[in-house]
Protein backbone atom coordinates (compact mmCIF):
# COMPACT_ATOMS: atom_id res chain seq x y z
CA MET A 1 -34.10 38.86 -20.20
CA THR A 2 -32.89 37.90 -23.15
CA PHE A 3 -29.76 36.01 -23.76
CA ARG A 4 -27.19 36.83 -26.27
CA LYS A 5 -25.20 34.53 -28.71
CA VAL A 6 -22.24 35.08 -26.49
CA ASP A 7 -23.78 34.71 -23.28
CA ILE A 8 -25.22 31.53 -24.16
CA ILE A 9 -21.73 30.58 -25.65
CA PHE A 10 -19.77 31.58 -22.27
CA VAL A 11 -22.28 29.33 -20.64
CA VAL A 12 -21.68 26.43 -22.58
CA LEU A 13 -17.82 26.91 -21.80
CA ALA A 14 -18.14 27.23 -18.43
CA LEU A 15 -20.00 23.83 -18.19
CA LEU A 16 -17.53 22.40 -20.07
CA VAL A 17 -14.47 23.20 -17.99
CA VAL A 18 -16.69 22.12 -14.98
CA GLY A 19 -17.63 19.07 -16.50
CA GLY A 20 -14.17 18.46 -17.49
CA VAL A 21 -12.70 19.03 -13.94
CA ALA A 22 -15.26 16.74 -12.79
CA LEU A 23 -14.31 13.98 -14.74
CA LEU A 24 -10.56 14.15 -14.32
CA PRO A 25 -9.06 11.10 -11.96
CA SER A 26 -8.66 11.86 -8.49
CA PRO A 27 -4.97 10.77 -6.68
CA ARG A 28 -7.36 7.08 -5.30
CA ASP A 29 -7.58 6.43 -8.66
CA ARG A 30 -4.19 6.43 -9.76
CA ASN A 31 -2.06 5.22 -6.80
CA PRO A 32 -1.94 1.70 -5.49
CA LYS A 33 -4.57 0.13 -3.32
CA VAL A 34 -4.14 -0.77 0.31
CA PRO A 35 -3.13 -4.51 0.07
CA ALA A 36 -6.08 -6.81 1.43
CA ASN A 37 -3.41 -8.89 3.65
CA SER A 38 -4.00 -9.03 7.59
CA ALA A 39 -1.28 -6.57 8.69
CA HIS A 40 -3.05 -4.13 6.42
CA GLN A 41 -6.65 -4.99 7.40
CA ALA A 42 -5.93 -4.52 11.30
CA VAL A 43 -4.71 -0.56 10.42
CA THR A 44 -7.72 1.22 12.15
CA MET A 45 -5.78 5.05 12.40
CA GLU A 46 -3.69 6.71 9.27
CA LYS A 47 -0.74 6.70 11.63
CA ASP A 48 -0.41 3.08 12.06
CA CYS A 49 0.97 2.88 8.61
CA LEU A 50 3.97 4.57 9.75
CA ALA A 51 5.10 1.70 12.48
CA CYS A 52 6.16 0.15 8.76
CA HIS A 53 6.16 2.80 6.59
CA VAL A 54 9.04 4.82 8.13
CA PRO A 55 12.71 5.04 7.14
CA THR A 56 13.80 2.87 9.55
CA GLY A 57 11.16 0.51 8.89
CA ALA A 58 10.07 -2.96 7.28
CA ARG A 59 8.53 -1.35 3.97
CA PRO A 60 10.30 2.37 3.99
CA LEU A 61 8.66 4.95 1.46
CA PRO A 62 9.99 6.06 -1.95
CA VAL A 63 12.16 8.96 -1.52
CA GLN A 64 9.75 10.74 -3.64
CA HIS A 65 7.08 10.13 -2.25
CA PRO A 66 5.17 13.21 -0.60
CA LYS A 67 5.40 13.72 3.24
CA ARG A 68 1.88 13.67 4.55
CA GLN A 69 0.15 11.54 7.09
CA ASP A 70 -3.20 11.22 5.54
CA CYS A 71 -2.51 7.82 3.87
CA LEU A 72 -6.25 6.44 3.26
CA HIS A 73 -6.55 10.09 1.43
CA CYS A 74 -5.07 8.84 -1.56
CA HIS A 75 -4.41 5.17 -1.47
CA ALA A 76 -8.08 3.54 -1.00
CA ARG A 77 -8.73 0.14 0.79
CA VAL A 78 -9.35 -2.84 -1.08
CA GLN A 79 -13.16 -3.65 -1.75
CA GLY A 80 -14.15 -7.14 -0.29
């Protein structure tokens, strides 16, 4: 099987696109980390976040925050 010049160009461009998408920052890279204080270290399940982060809680989420229930998908825990 012989490759034409156009085939090689297509493969190179496809690899560049896949590589570029892989290098995009994930939501976890852009969002604030979970604080390393004792209240947040005690959280074991994501639904526990809603004890404080509801409209009537101690630290309500901003209005523009997405209505999601999977907090640790976007907010990484601080290592250490």
